[in-house]
Amino acid sequence: MGENEETLFTPLKSGVEYNVYGLMFYSTRTDFLIYEEGSYPLWAPSNLFEILDDTLPGDWGCVITEKAEGYCELYDSFGINSICGYLELIRSYEHYVGIIEGADNELQKLHAYRLQH
């Protein structure tokens, strides 16, 4: 996870509504994938947010990390149990890593999904 009590989740701002593009489940917490124009995608703890709409998009899926190639590294290294989100996020470990690392081609896929929703 790489965070401590002093971790700042910039560019998040108080009082702003954010769309969520993925859910990441640990045994003790859930993170939201937030992505705003002009910034990089960010996994942020759900306790930083108030949920305004509790429905999930119909085009989402889930991956059990310990059983999926590539994603099992997330289970082994960070204790991430599962990820739910848009299909590219949960079907392509390369895409997951690419959006975290800022790979242009992978960010374009997330941006395209964002524009459709």
PDB file of N, CA and C in Angstrom:
ATOM      1  N   MET A   1       0.823  -1.170   0.000  1.00  0.00           N
ATOM      2  CA  MET A   1       0.000   0.000   0.000  1.00  0.00           C
ATOM      3  C   MET A   1       0.875   1.245   0.000  1.00  0.00           C
ATOM      4  N   GLY A   2       1.958   1.247   0.756  1.00  0.00           N
ATOM      5  CA  GLY A   2       2.903   2.333   0.714  1.00  0.00           C
ATOM      6  C   GLY A   2       2.460   3.617   1.377  1.00  0.00           C
ATOM      7  N   GLU A   3       1.418   3.580   2.193  1.00  0.00           N
ATOM      8  CA  GLU A   3       0.949   4.800   2.847  1.00  0.00           C
ATOM      9  C   GLU A   3       1.257   4.750   4.328  1.00  0.00           C
ATOM     10  N   ASN A   4       1.238   5.941   4.931  1.00  0.00           N
ATOM     11  CA  ASN A   4       1.317   6.052   6.382  1.00  0.00           C
ATOM     12  C   ASN A   4       0.368   7.164   6.813  1.00  0.00           C
ATOM     13  N   GLU A   5       0.372   7.542   8.096  1.00  0.00           N
ATOM     14  CA  GLU A   5      -0.574   8.544   8.585  1.00  0.00           C
ATOM     15  C   GLU A   5      -0.375   9.909   7.948  1.00  0.00           C
ATOM     16  N   GLU A   6       0.775  10.145   7.366  1.00  0.00           N
ATOM     17  CA  GLU A   6       1.050  11.455   6.781  1.00  0.00           C
ATOM     18  C   GLU A   6       0.871  11.492   5.262  1.00  0.00           C
ATOM     19  N   THR A   7       0.408  10.385   4.684  1.00  0.00           N
ATOM     20  CA  THR A   7       0.204  10.344   3.241  1.00  0.00           C
ATOM     21  C   THR A   7      -0.872  11.344   2.842  1.00  0.00           C
ATOM     22  N   LEU A   8      -0.582  12.137   1.823  1.00  0.00           N
ATOM     23  CA  LEU A   8      -1.549  13.087   1.283  1.00  0.00           C
ATOM     24  C   LEU A   8      -2.108  12.521  -0.008  1.00  0.00           C
ATOM     25  N   PHE A   9      -3.408  12.545  -0.149  1.00  0.00           N
ATOM     26  CA  PHE A   9      -4.041  12.027  -1.352  1.00  0.00           C
ATOM     27  C   PHE A   9      -4.401  13.193  -2.273  1.00  0.00           C
ATOM     28  N   THR A  10      -3.353  13.857  -2.758  1.00  0.00           N
ATOM     29  CA  THR A  10      -3.567  14.933  -3.709  1.00  0.00           C
ATOM     30  C   THR A  10      -3.751  14.298  -5.077  1.00  0.00           C
ATOM     31  N   PRO A  11      -4.532  14.810  -5.938  1.00  0.00           N
ATOM     32  CA  PRO A  11      -5.174  16.121  -5.963  1.00  0.00           C
ATOM     33  C   PRO A  11      -6.601  16.139  -5.411  1.00  0.00           C
ATOM     34  N   LEU A  12      -6.973  15.229  -4.522  1.00  0.00           N
ATOM     35  CA  LEU A  12      -8.327  15.214  -3.981  1.00  0.00           C
ATOM     36  C   LEU A  12      -8.617  16.498  -3.206  1.00  0.00           C
ATOM     37  N   LYS A  13      -9.852  16.969  -3.363  1.00  0.00           N
ATOM     38  CA  LYS A  13     -10.268  18.186  -2.676  1.00  0.00           C
ATOM     39  C   LYS A  13     -11.547  17.922  -1.903  1.00  0.00           C
ATOM     40  N   SER A  14     -11.661  18.502  -0.748  1.00  0.00           N
ATOM     41  CA  SER A  14     -12.857  18.368   0.081  1.00  0.00           C
ATOM     42  C   SER A  14     -14.047  19.044  -0.597  1.00  0.00           C
ATOM     43  N   GLY A  15     -15.212  18.413  -0.512  1.00  0.00           N
ATOM     44  CA  GLY A  15     -16.424  18.994  -1.058  1.00  0.00           C
ATOM     45  C   GLY A  15     -16.653  18.752  -2.542  1.00  0.00           C
ATOM     46  N   VAL A  16     -15.761  18.025  -3.197  1.00  0.00           N
ATOM     47  CA  VAL A  16     -15.874  17.747  -4.629  1.00  0.00           C
ATOM     48  C   VAL A  16     -16.447  16.342  -4.814  1.00  0.00           C
ATOM     49  N   GLU A  17     -17.354  16.184  -5.784  1.00  0.00           N
ATOM     50  CA  GLU A  17     -17.883  14.862  -6.114  1.00  0.00           C
ATOM     51  C   GLU A  17     -16.960  14.192  -7.121  1.00  0.00           C
ATOM     52  N   TYR A  18     -16.622  12.935  -6.857  1.00  0.00           N
ATOM     53  CA  TYR A  18     -15.756  12.156  -7.735  1.00  0.00           C
ATOM     54  C   TYR A  18     -16.494  10.924  -8.220  1.00  0.00           C
ATOM     55  N   ASN A  19     -16.280  10.565  -9.476  1.00  0.00           N
ATOM     56  CA  ASN A  19     -16.748   9.283  -9.988  1.00  0.00           C
ATOM     57  C   ASN A  19     -15.728   8.224  -9.612  1.00  0.00           C
ATOM     58  N   VAL A  20     -16.203   7.024  -9.384  1.00  0.00           N
ATOM     59  CA  VAL A  20     -15.337   5.896  -9.022  1.00  0.00           C
ATOM     60  C   VAL A  20     -15.290   4.936 -10.203  1.00  0.00           C
ATOM     61  N   TYR A  21     -14.078   4.536 -10.574  1.00  0.00           N
ATOM     62  CA  TYR A  21     -13.888   3.659 -11.728  1.00  0.00           C
ATOM     63  C   TYR A  21     -13.435   2.261 -11.330  1.00  0.00           C
ATOM     64  N   GLY A  22     -13.215   2.037 -10.059  1.00  0.00           N
ATOM     65  CA  GLY A  22     -12.837   0.716  -9.588  1.00  0.00           C
ATOM     66  C   GLY A  22     -12.900   0.650  -8.076  1.00  0.00           C
ATOM     67  N   LEU A  23     -13.039  -0.551  -7.570  1.00  0.00           N
ATOM     68  CA  LEU A  23     -13.030  -0.833  -6.135  1.00  0.00           C
ATOM     69  C   LEU A  23     -11.947  -1.870  -5.881  1.00  0.00           C
ATOM     70  N   MET A  24     -11.120  -1.608  -4.884  1.00  0.00           N
ATOM     71  CA  MET A  24     -10.050  -2.532  -4.523  1.00  0.00           C
ATOM     72  C   MET A  24     -10.294  -2.971  -3.081  1.00  0.00           C
ATOM     73  N   PHE A  25     -10.377  -4.272  -2.880  1.00  0.00           N
ATOM     74  CA  PHE A  25     -10.722  -4.814  -1.569  1.00  0.00           C
ATOM     75  C   PHE A  25      -9.527  -5.467  -0.890  1.00  0.00           C
ATOM     76  N   TYR A  26      -9.166  -4.923   0.266  1.00  0.00           N
ATOM     77  CA  TYR A  26      -8.199  -5.531   1.185  1.00  0.00           C
ATOM     78  C   TYR A  26      -9.020  -6.200   2.279  1.00  0.00           C
ATOM     79  N   SER A  27      -8.380  -6.920   3.174  1.00  0.00           N
ATOM     80  CA  SER A  27      -9.137  -7.539   4.264  1.00  0.00           C
ATOM     81  C   SER A  27      -9.660  -6.502   5.251  1.00  0.00           C
ATOM     82  N   THR A  28      -9.012  -5.357   5.342  1.00  0.00           N
ATOM     83  CA  THR A  28      -9.414  -4.363   6.352  1.00  0.00           C
ATOM     84  C   THR A  28      -9.866  -3.028   5.772  1.00  0.00           C
ATOM     85  N   ARG A  29      -9.872  -2.880   4.450  1.00  0.00           N
ATOM     86  CA  ARG A  29     -10.325  -1.612   3.874  1.00  0.00           C
ATOM     87  C   ARG A  29     -10.673  -1.790   2.407  1.00  0.00           C
ATOM     88  N   THR A  30     -11.335  -0.783   1.876  1.00  0.00           N
ATOM     89  CA  THR A  30     -11.678  -0.725   0.463  1.00  0.00           C
ATOM     90  C   THR A  30     -11.164   0.593  -0.103  1.00  0.00           C
ATOM     91  N   ASP A  31     -10.550   0.537  -1.278  1.00  0.00           N
ATOM     92  CA  ASP A  31     -10.080   1.749  -1.959  1.00  0.00           C
ATOM     93  C   ASP A  31     -10.917   1.995  -3.202  1.00  0.00           C
ATOM     94  N   PHE A  32     -11.030   3.272  -3.569  1.00  0.00           N
ATOM     95  CA  PHE A  32     -11.736   3.683  -4.777  1.00  0.00           C
ATOM     96  C   PHE A  32     -10.718   4.153  -5.802  1.00  0.00           C
ATOM     97  N   LEU A  33     -10.941   3.815  -7.070  1.00  0.00           N
ATOM     98  CA  LEU A  33     -10.125   4.339  -8.156  1.00  0.00           C
ATOM     99  C   LEU A  33     -10.782   5.626  -8.654  1.00  0.00           C
ATOM    100  N   ILE A  34     -10.075   6.729  -8.462  1.00  0.00           N
ATOM    101  CA  ILE A  34     -10.556   8.050  -8.843  1.00  0.00           C
ATOM    102  C   ILE A  34      -9.711   8.532 -10.019  1.00  0.00           C
ATOM    103  N   TYR A  35     -10.375   9.152 -10.998  1.00  0.00           N
ATOM    104  CA  TYR A  35      -9.639   9.683 -12.144  1.00  0.00           C
ATOM    105  C   TYR A  35     -10.324  10.951 -12.625  1.00  0.00           C
ATOM    106  N   GLU A  36      -9.612  12.040 -12.568  1.00  0.00           N
ATOM    107  CA  GLU A  36     -10.113  13.326 -13.027  1.00  0.00           C
ATOM    108  C   GLU A  36      -9.231  13.837 -14.156  1.00  0.00           C
ATOM    109  N   GLU A  37      -9.839  14.536 -15.087  1.00  0.00           N
ATOM    110  CA  GLU A  37      -9.107  15.143 -16.199  1.00  0.00           C
ATOM    111  C   GLU A  37      -7.937  15.966 -15.659  1.00  0.00           C
ATOM    112  N   GLY A  38      -6.783  15.807 -16.266  1.00  0.00           N
ATOM    113  CA  GLY A  38      -5.614  16.592 -15.867  1.00  0.00           C
ATOM    114  C   GLY A  38      -4.808  16.001 -14.725  1.00  0.00           C
ATOM    115  N   SER A  39      -5.199  14.817 -14.240  1.00  0.00           N
ATOM    116  CA  SER A  39      -4.419  14.169 -13.185  1.00  0.00           C
ATOM    117  C   SER A  39      -4.307  12.682 -13.499  1.00  0.00           C
ATOM    118  N   TYR A  40      -3.505  11.993 -12.724  1.00  0.00           N
ATOM    119  CA  TYR A  40      -3.349  10.554 -12.904  1.00  0.00           C
ATOM    120  C   TYR A  40      -4.368   9.811 -12.054  1.00  0.00           C
ATOM    121  N   PRO A  41      -4.724   8.593 -12.446  1.00  0.00           N
ATOM    122  CA  PRO A  41      -5.618   7.780 -11.615  1.00  0.00           C
ATOM    123  C   PRO A  41      -5.007   7.577 -10.232  1.00  0.00           C
ATOM    124  N   LEU A  42      -5.865   7.471  -9.252  1.00  0.00           N
ATOM    125  CA  LEU A  42      -5.427   7.376  -7.865  1.00  0.00           C
ATOM    126  C   LEU A  42      -6.333   6.415  -7.112  1.00  0.00           C
ATOM    127  N   TRP A  43      -5.730   5.440  -6.445  1.00  0.00           N
ATOM    128  CA  TRP A  43      -6.484   4.584  -5.526  1.00  0.00           C
ATOM    129  C   TRP A  43      -6.471   5.286  -4.169  1.00  0.00           C
ATOM    130  N   ALA A  44      -7.653   5.576  -3.635  1.00  0.00           N
ATOM    131  CA  ALA A  44      -7.759   6.304  -2.368  1.00  0.00           C
ATOM    132  C   ALA A  44      -8.688   5.553  -1.427  1.00  0.00           C
ATOM    133  N   PRO A  45      -8.362   5.547  -0.128  1.00  0.00           N
ATOM    134  CA  PRO A  45      -9.205   4.840   0.850  1.00  0.00           C
ATOM    135  C   PRO A  45     -10.644   5.360   0.840  1.00  0.00           C
ATOM    136  N   SER A  46     -11.583   4.433   0.892  1.00  0.00           N
ATOM    137  CA  SER A  46     -13.002   4.799   0.821  1.00  0.00           C
ATOM    138  C   SER A  46     -13.454   5.644   2.005  1.00  0.00           C
ATOM    139  N   ASN A  47     -12.756   5.553   3.120  1.00  0.00           N
ATOM    140  CA  ASN A  47     -13.182   6.331   4.298  1.00  0.00           C
ATOM    141  C   ASN A  47     -12.971   7.833   4.117  1.00  0.00           C
ATOM    142  N   LEU A  48     -12.339   8.248   3.026  1.00  0.00           N
ATOM    143  CA  LEU A  48     -12.176   9.673   2.731  1.00  0.00           C
ATOM    144  C   LEU A  48     -13.414  10.257   2.058  1.00  0.00           C
ATOM    145  N   PHE A  49     -14.376   9.400   1.700  1.00  0.00           N
ATOM    146  CA  PHE A  49     -15.506   9.826   0.885  1.00  0.00           C
ATOM    147  C   PHE A  49     -16.841   9.522   1.550  1.00  0.00           C
ATOM    148  N   GLU A  50     -17.838  10.275   1.120  1.00  0.00           N
ATOM    149  CA  GLU A  50     -19.228   9.982   1.436  1.00  0.00           C
ATOM    150  C   GLU A  50     -19.839   9.438   0.150  1.00  0.00           C
ATOM    151  N   ILE A  51     -20.528   8.320   0.223  1.00  0.00           N
ATOM    152  CA  ILE A  51     -21.110   7.709  -0.965  1.00  0.00           C
ATOM    153  C   ILE A  51     -22.460   8.363  -1.252  1.00  0.00           C
ATOM    154  N   LEU A  52     -22.588   8.926  -2.458  1.00  0.00           N
ATOM    155  CA  LEU A  52     -23.821   9.596  -2.868  1.00  0.00           C
ATOM    156  C   LEU A  52     -24.695   8.701  -3.740  1.00  0.00           C
ATOM    157  N   ASP A  53     -24.094   7.761  -4.456  1.00  0.00           N
ATOM    158  CA  ASP A  53     -24.821   6.829  -5.319  1.00  0.00           C
ATOM    159  C   ASP A  53     -24.212   5.448  -5.105  1.00  0.00           C
ATOM    160  N   ASP A  54     -24.998   4.538  -4.554  1.00  0.00           N
ATOM    161  CA  ASP A  54     -24.456   3.224  -4.187  1.00  0.00           C
ATOM    162  C   ASP A  54     -24.689   2.148  -5.248  1.00  0.00           C
ATOM    163  N   THR A  55     -25.045   2.546  -6.466  1.00  0.00           N
ATOM    164  CA  THR A  55     -25.238   1.562  -7.522  1.00  0.00           C
ATOM    165  C   THR A  55     -23.928   1.310  -8.265  1.00  0.00           C
ATOM    166  N   LEU A  56     -23.796   0.102  -8.790  1.00  0.00           N
ATOM    167  CA  LEU A  56     -22.629  -0.254  -9.598  1.00  0.00           C
ATOM    168  C   LEU A  56     -23.018  -0.274 -11.072  1.00  0.00           C
ATOM    169  N   PRO A  57     -22.138   0.183 -11.937  1.00  0.00           N
ATOM    170  CA  PRO A  57     -22.430   0.125 -13.379  1.00  0.00           C
ATOM    171  C   PRO A  57     -22.632  -1.313 -13.851  1.00  0.00           C
ATOM    172  N   GLY A  58     -23.525  -1.496 -14.802  1.00  0.00           N
ATOM    173  CA  GLY A  58     -23.825  -2.823 -15.327  1.00  0.00           C
ATOM    174  C   GLY A  58     -22.698  -3.435 -16.143  1.00  0.00           C
ATOM    175  N   ASP A  59     -21.740  -2.610 -16.562  1.00  0.00           N
ATOM    176  CA  ASP A  59     -20.637  -3.126 -17.381  1.00  0.00           C
ATOM    177  C   ASP A  59     -19.363  -3.358 -16.574  1.00  0.00           C
ATOM    178  N   TRP A  60     -19.485  -3.528 -15.278  1.00  0.00           N
ATOM    179  CA  TRP A  60     -18.343  -3.825 -14.422  1.00  0.00           C
ATOM    180  C   TRP A  60     -18.226  -5.327 -14.199  1.00  0.00           C
ATOM    181  N   GLY A  61     -17.054  -5.743 -13.753  1.00  0.00           N
ATOM    182  CA  GLY A  61     -16.806  -7.119 -13.364  1.00  0.00           C
ATOM    183  C   GLY A  61     -15.847  -7.135 -12.183  1.00  0.00           C
ATOM    184  N   CYS A  62     -15.476  -8.322 -11.748  1.00  0.00           N
ATOM    185  CA  CYS A  62     -14.563  -8.480 -10.607  1.00  0.00           C
ATOM    186  C   CYS A  62     -13.510  -9.532 -10.921  1.00  0.00           C
ATOM    187  N   VAL A  63     -12.347  -9.367 -10.308  1.00  0.00           N
ATOM    188  CA  VAL A  63     -11.288 -10.355 -10.413  1.00  0.00           C
ATOM    189  C   VAL A  63     -10.847 -10.718  -8.993  1.00  0.00           C
ATOM    190  N   ILE A  64     -10.730 -12.013  -8.732  1.00  0.00           N
ATOM    191  CA  ILE A  64     -10.186 -12.509  -7.470  1.00  0.00           C
ATOM    192  C   ILE A  64      -8.677 -12.576  -7.680  1.00  0.00           C
ATOM    193  N   THR A  65      -7.937 -11.720  -7.017  1.00  0.00           N
ATOM    194  CA  THR A  65      -6.526 -11.512  -7.349  1.00  0.00           C
ATOM    195  C   THR A  65      -5.656 -12.749  -7.151  1.00  0.00           C
ATOM    196  N   GLU A  66      -5.875 -13.513  -6.100  1.00  0.00           N
ATOM    197  CA  GLU A  66      -4.982 -14.646  -5.843  1.00  0.00           C
ATOM    198  C   GLU A  66      -5.118 -15.750  -6.891  1.00  0.00           C
ATOM    199  N   LYS A  67      -6.181 -15.700  -7.700  1.00  0.00           N
ATOM    200  CA  LYS A  67      -6.410 -16.751  -8.686  1.00  0.00           C
ATOM    201  C   LYS A  67      -6.165 -16.296 -10.124  1.00  0.00           C
ATOM    202  N   ALA A  68      -5.763 -15.044 -10.306  1.00  0.00           N
ATOM    203  CA  ALA A  68      -5.635 -14.511 -11.665  1.00  0.00           C
ATOM    204  C   ALA A  68      -4.182 -14.168 -11.987  1.00  0.00           C
ATOM    205  N   GLU A  69      -3.767 -14.583 -13.172  1.00  0.00           N
ATOM    206  CA  GLU A  69      -2.395 -14.327 -13.608  1.00  0.00           C
ATOM    207  C   GLU A  69      -2.094 -12.830 -13.560  1.00  0.00           C
ATOM    208  N   GLY A  70      -0.932 -12.496 -13.047  1.00  0.00           N
ATOM    209  CA  GLY A  70      -0.531 -11.098 -12.908  1.00  0.00           C
ATOM    210  C   GLY A  70      -1.089 -10.481 -11.641  1.00  0.00           C
ATOM    211  N   TYR A  71      -2.409 -10.510 -11.505  1.00  0.00           N
ATOM    212  CA  TYR A  71      -3.058  -9.921 -10.342  1.00  0.00           C
ATOM    213  C   TYR A  71      -2.644 -10.616  -9.044  1.00  0.00           C
ATOM    214  N   CYS A  72      -2.219 -11.870  -9.138  1.00  0.00           N
ATOM    215  CA  CYS A  72      -1.816 -12.599  -7.930  1.00  0.00           C
ATOM    216  C   CYS A  72      -0.649 -11.906  -7.232  1.00  0.00           C
ATOM    217  N   GLU A  73       0.135 -11.123  -7.967  1.00  0.00           N
ATOM    218  CA  GLU A  73       1.204 -10.342  -7.340  1.00  0.00           C
ATOM    219  C   GLU A  73       0.634  -9.320  -6.351  1.00  0.00           C
ATOM    220  N   LEU A  74      -0.540  -8.784  -6.665  1.00  0.00           N
ATOM    221  CA  LEU A  74      -1.183  -7.817  -5.765  1.00  0.00           C
ATOM    222  C   LEU A  74      -1.622  -8.499  -4.473  1.00  0.00           C
ATOM    223  N   TYR A  75      -2.090  -9.732  -4.602  1.00  0.00           N
ATOM    224  CA  TYR A  75      -2.478 -10.492  -3.418  1.00  0.00           C
ATOM    225  C   TYR A  75      -1.250 -10.829  -2.580  1.00  0.00           C
ATOM    226  N   ASP A  76      -0.220 -11.355  -3.222  1.00  0.00           N
ATOM    227  CA  ASP A  76       0.983 -11.782  -2.511  1.00  0.00           C
ATOM    228  C   ASP A  76       1.737 -10.607  -1.875  1.00  0.00           C
ATOM    229  N   SER A  77       1.831  -9.494  -2.582  1.00  0.00           N
ATOM    230  CA  SER A  77       2.639  -8.362  -2.107  1.00  0.00           C
ATOM    231  C   SER A  77       1.890  -7.399  -1.192  1.00  0.00           C
ATOM    232  N   PHE A  78       0.583  -7.200  -1.458  1.00  0.00           N
ATOM    233  CA  PHE A  78      -0.146  -6.153  -0.737  1.00  0.00           C
ATOM    234  C   PHE A  78      -1.396  -6.634  -0.021  1.00  0.00           C
ATOM    235  N   GLY A  79      -1.755  -7.901  -0.184  1.00  0.00           N
ATOM    236  CA  GLY A  79      -2.945  -8.415   0.470  1.00  0.00           C
ATOM    237  C   GLY A  79      -4.244  -7.944  -0.165  1.00  0.00           C
ATOM    238  N   ILE A  80      -4.193  -7.580  -1.447  1.00  0.00           N
ATOM    239  CA  ILE A  80      -5.400  -7.163  -2.158  1.00  0.00           C
ATOM    240  C   ILE A  80      -6.167  -8.423  -2.549  1.00  0.00           C
ATOM    241  N   ASN A  81      -7.401  -8.541  -2.071  1.00  0.00           N
ATOM    242  CA  ASN A  81      -8.201  -9.740  -2.303  1.00  0.00           C
ATOM    243  C   ASN A  81      -8.904  -9.750  -3.649  1.00  0.00           C
ATOM    244  N   SER A  82      -9.448  -8.595  -4.039  1.00  0.00           N
ATOM    245  CA  SER A  82     -10.165  -8.527  -5.304  1.00  0.00           C
ATOM    246  C   SER A  82     -10.245  -7.087  -5.784  1.00  0.00           C
ATOM    247  N   ILE A  83     -10.542  -6.960  -7.076  1.00  0.00           N
ATOM    248  CA  ILE A  83     -10.746  -5.656  -7.700  1.00  0.00           C
ATOM    249  C   ILE A  83     -12.014  -5.769  -8.532  1.00  0.00           C
ATOM    250  N   CYS A  84     -12.872  -4.780  -8.409  1.00  0.00           N
ATOM    251  CA  CYS A  84     -14.058  -4.670  -9.252  1.00  0.00           C
ATOM    252  C   CYS A  84     -13.943  -3.365 -10.028  1.00  0.00           C
ATOM    253  N   GLY A  85     -14.406  -3.376 -11.255  1.00  0.00           N
ATOM    254  CA  GLY A  85     -14.361  -2.160 -12.044  1.00  0.00           C
ATOM    255  C   GLY A  85     -14.685  -2.423 -13.499  1.00  0.00           C
ATOM    256  N   TYR A  86     -14.423  -1.439 -14.336  1.00  0.00           N
ATOM    257  CA  TYR A  86     -14.665  -1.576 -15.765  1.00  0.00           C
ATOM    258  C   TYR A  86     -13.813  -2.742 -16.284  1.00  0.00           C
ATOM    259  N   LEU A  87     -14.283  -3.354 -17.349  1.00  0.00           N
ATOM    260  CA  LEU A  87     -13.728  -4.647 -17.766  1.00  0.00           C
ATOM    261  C   LEU A  87     -12.240  -4.627 -18.088  1.00  0.00           C
ATOM    262  N   GLU A  88     -11.744  -3.580 -18.706  1.00  0.00           N
ATOM    263  CA  GLU A  88     -10.308  -3.517 -19.025  1.00  0.00           C
ATOM    264  C   GLU A  88      -9.476  -3.573 -17.738  1.00  0.00           C
ATOM    265  N   LEU A  89      -9.959  -2.934 -16.698  1.00  0.00           N
ATOM    266  CA  LEU A  89      -9.244  -2.903 -15.414  1.00  0.00           C
ATOM    267  C   LEU A  89      -9.117  -4.290 -14.800  1.00  0.00           C
ATOM    268  N   ILE A  90     -10.149  -5.085 -14.940  1.00  0.00           N
ATOM    269  CA  ILE A  90     -10.140  -6.391 -14.266  1.00  0.00           C
ATOM    270  C   ILE A  90      -9.740  -7.554 -15.166  1.00  0.00           C
ATOM    271  N   ARG A  91      -9.593  -7.281 -16.449  1.00  0.00           N
ATOM    272  CA  ARG A  91      -9.211  -8.353 -17.381  1.00  0.00           C
ATOM    273  C   ARG A  91      -7.792  -8.230 -17.904  1.00  0.00           C
ATOM    274  N   SER A  92      -7.170  -7.081 -17.706  1.00  0.00           N
ATOM    275  CA  SER A  92      -5.822  -6.873 -18.222  1.00  0.00           C
ATOM    276  C   SER A  92      -4.923  -6.326 -17.119  1.00  0.00           C
ATOM    277  N   TYR A  93      -4.065  -7.187 -16.594  1.00  0.00           N
ATOM    278  CA  TYR A  93      -3.115  -6.733 -15.577  1.00  0.00           C
ATOM    279  C   TYR A  93      -2.196  -5.662 -16.154  1.00  0.00           C
ATOM    280  N   GLU A  94      -1.867  -5.782 -17.428  1.00  0.00           N
ATOM    281  CA  GLU A  94      -1.046  -4.767 -18.098  1.00  0.00           C
ATOM    282  C   GLU A  94      -1.734  -3.393 -18.039  1.00  0.00           C
ATOM    283  N   HIS A  95      -3.043  -3.381 -18.225  1.00  0.00           N
ATOM    284  CA  HIS A  95      -3.791  -2.118 -18.137  1.00  0.00           C
ATOM    285  C   HIS A  95      -3.761  -1.577 -16.704  1.00  0.00           C
ATOM    286  N   TYR A  96      -3.993  -2.461 -15.738  1.00  0.00           N
ATOM    287  CA  TYR A  96      -3.957  -2.051 -14.326  1.00  0.00           C
ATOM    288  C   TYR A  96      -2.617  -1.369 -14.005  1.00  0.00           C
ATOM    289  N   VAL A  97      -1.532  -2.019 -14.338  1.00  0.00           N
ATOM    290  CA  VAL A  97      -0.199  -1.458 -14.075  1.00  0.00           C
ATOM    291  C   VAL A  97       0.013  -0.181 -14.890  1.00  0.00           C
ATOM    292  N   GLY A  98      -0.426  -0.195 -16.127  1.00  0.00           N
ATOM    293  CA  GLY A  98      -0.235   0.956 -17.003  1.00  0.00           C
ATOM    294  C   GLY A  98      -0.897   2.223 -16.501  1.00  0.00           C
ATOM    295  N   ILE A  99      -2.113   2.115 -15.962  1.00  0.00           N
ATOM    296  CA  ILE A  99      -2.757   3.346 -15.467  1.00  0.00           C
ATOM    297  C   ILE A  99      -2.081   3.853 -14.203  1.00  0.00           C
ATOM    298  N   ILE A 100      -1.566   2.946 -13.392  1.00  0.00           N
ATOM    299  CA  ILE A 100      -0.859   3.354 -12.171  1.00  0.00           C
ATOM    300  C   ILE A 100       0.469   4.020 -12.529  1.00  0.00           C
ATOM    301  N   GLU A 101       1.135   3.495 -13.547  1.00  0.00           N
ATOM    302  CA  GLU A 101       2.441   4.033 -13.945  1.00  0.00           C
ATOM    303  C   GLU A 101       2.335   5.181 -14.937  1.00  0.00           C
ATOM    304  N   GLY A 102       1.128   5.495 -15.400  1.00  0.00           N
ATOM    305  CA  GLY A 102       0.937   6.624 -16.306  1.00  0.00           C
ATOM    306  C   GLY A 102       1.254   6.348 -17.759  1.00  0.00           C
ATOM    307  N   ALA A 103       1.122   5.093 -18.205  1.00  0.00           N
ATOM    308  CA  ALA A 103       1.368   4.751 -19.610  1.00  0.00           C
ATOM    309  C   ALA A 103       0.273   5.373 -20.487  1.00  0.00           C
ATOM    310  N   ASP A 104       0.680   6.164 -21.454  1.00  0.00           N
ATOM    311  CA  ASP A 104      -0.275   6.911 -22.285  1.00  0.00           C
ATOM    312  C   ASP A 104      -1.342   6.030 -22.919  1.00  0.00           C
ATOM    313  N   ASN A 105      -0.947   4.898 -23.507  1.00  0.00           N
ATOM    314  CA  ASN A 105      -1.929   4.053 -24.184  1.00  0.00           C
ATOM    315  C   ASN A 105      -2.959   3.485 -23.212  1.00  0.00           C
ATOM    316  N   GLU A 106      -2.552   3.176 -21.997  1.00  0.00           N
ATOM    317  CA  GLU A 106      -3.491   2.645 -21.003  1.00  0.00           C
ATOM    318  C   GLU A 106      -4.362   3.767 -20.429  1.00  0.00           C
ATOM    319  N   LEU A 107      -3.792   4.935 -20.225  1.00  0.00           N
ATOM    320  CA  LEU A 107      -4.579   6.084 -19.756  1.00  0.00           C
ATOM    321  C   LEU A 107      -5.634   6.467 -20.789  1.00  0.00           C
ATOM    322  N   GLN A 108      -5.326   6.316 -22.067  1.00  0.00           N
ATOM    323  CA  GLN A 108      -6.301   6.614 -23.120  1.00  0.00           C
ATOM    324  C   GLN A 108      -7.502   5.671 -23.029  1.00  0.00           C
ATOM    325  N   LYS A 109      -7.268   4.415 -22.685  1.00  0.00           N
ATOM    326  CA  LYS A 109      -8.372   3.459 -22.524  1.00  0.00           C
ATOM    327  C   LYS A 109      -9.268   3.862 -21.356  1.00  0.00           C
ATOM    328  N   LEU A 110      -8.671   4.262 -20.240  1.00  0.00           N
ATOM    329  CA  LEU A 110      -9.455   4.713 -19.093  1.00  0.00           C
ATOM    330  C   LEU A 110     -10.211   5.993 -19.446  1.00  0.00           C
ATOM    331  N   HIS A 111      -9.555   6.895 -20.139  1.00  0.00           N
ATOM    332  CA  HIS A 111     -10.200   8.147 -20.537  1.00  0.00           C
ATOM    333  C   HIS A 111     -11.392   7.865 -21.456  1.00  0.00           C
ATOM    334  N   ALA A 112     -11.243   6.938 -22.382  1.00  0.00           N
ATOM    335  CA  ALA A 112     -12.344   6.572 -23.276  1.00  0.00           C
ATOM    336  C   ALA A 112     -13.519   6.012 -22.480  1.00  0.00           C
ATOM    337  N   TYR A 113     -13.234   5.153 -21.498  1.00  0.00           N
ATOM    338  CA  TYR A 113     -14.307   4.612 -20.649  1.00  0.00           C
ATOM    339  C   TYR A 113     -14.992   5.754 -19.888  1.00  0.00           C
ATOM    340  N   ARG A 114     -14.195   6.652 -19.365  1.00  0.00           N
ATOM    341  CA  ARG A 114     -14.711   7.800 -18.601  1.00  0.00           C
ATOM    342  C   ARG A 114     -15.658   8.630 -19.460  1.00  0.00           C
ATOM    343  N   LEU A 115     -15.311   8.866 -20.710  1.00  0.00           N
ATOM    344  CA  LEU A 115     -16.144   9.675 -21.591  1.00  0.00           C
ATOM    345  C   LEU A 115     -17.472   8.995 -21.921  1.00  0.00           C
ATOM    346  N   GLN A 116     -17.487   7.660 -21.931  1.00  0.00           N
ATOM    347  CA  GLN A 116     -18.713   6.920 -22.217  1.00  0.00           C
ATOM    348  C   GLN A 116     -19.671   6.909 -21.037  1.00  0.00           C
ATOM    349  N   HIS A 117     -19.179   7.272 -19.864  1.00  0.00           N
ATOM    350  CA  HIS A 117     -20.017   7.180 -18.661  1.00  0.00           C
ATOM    351  C   HIS A 117     -20.077   8.511 -18.018  1.00  0.00           C
TER     352      HIS A 117
END
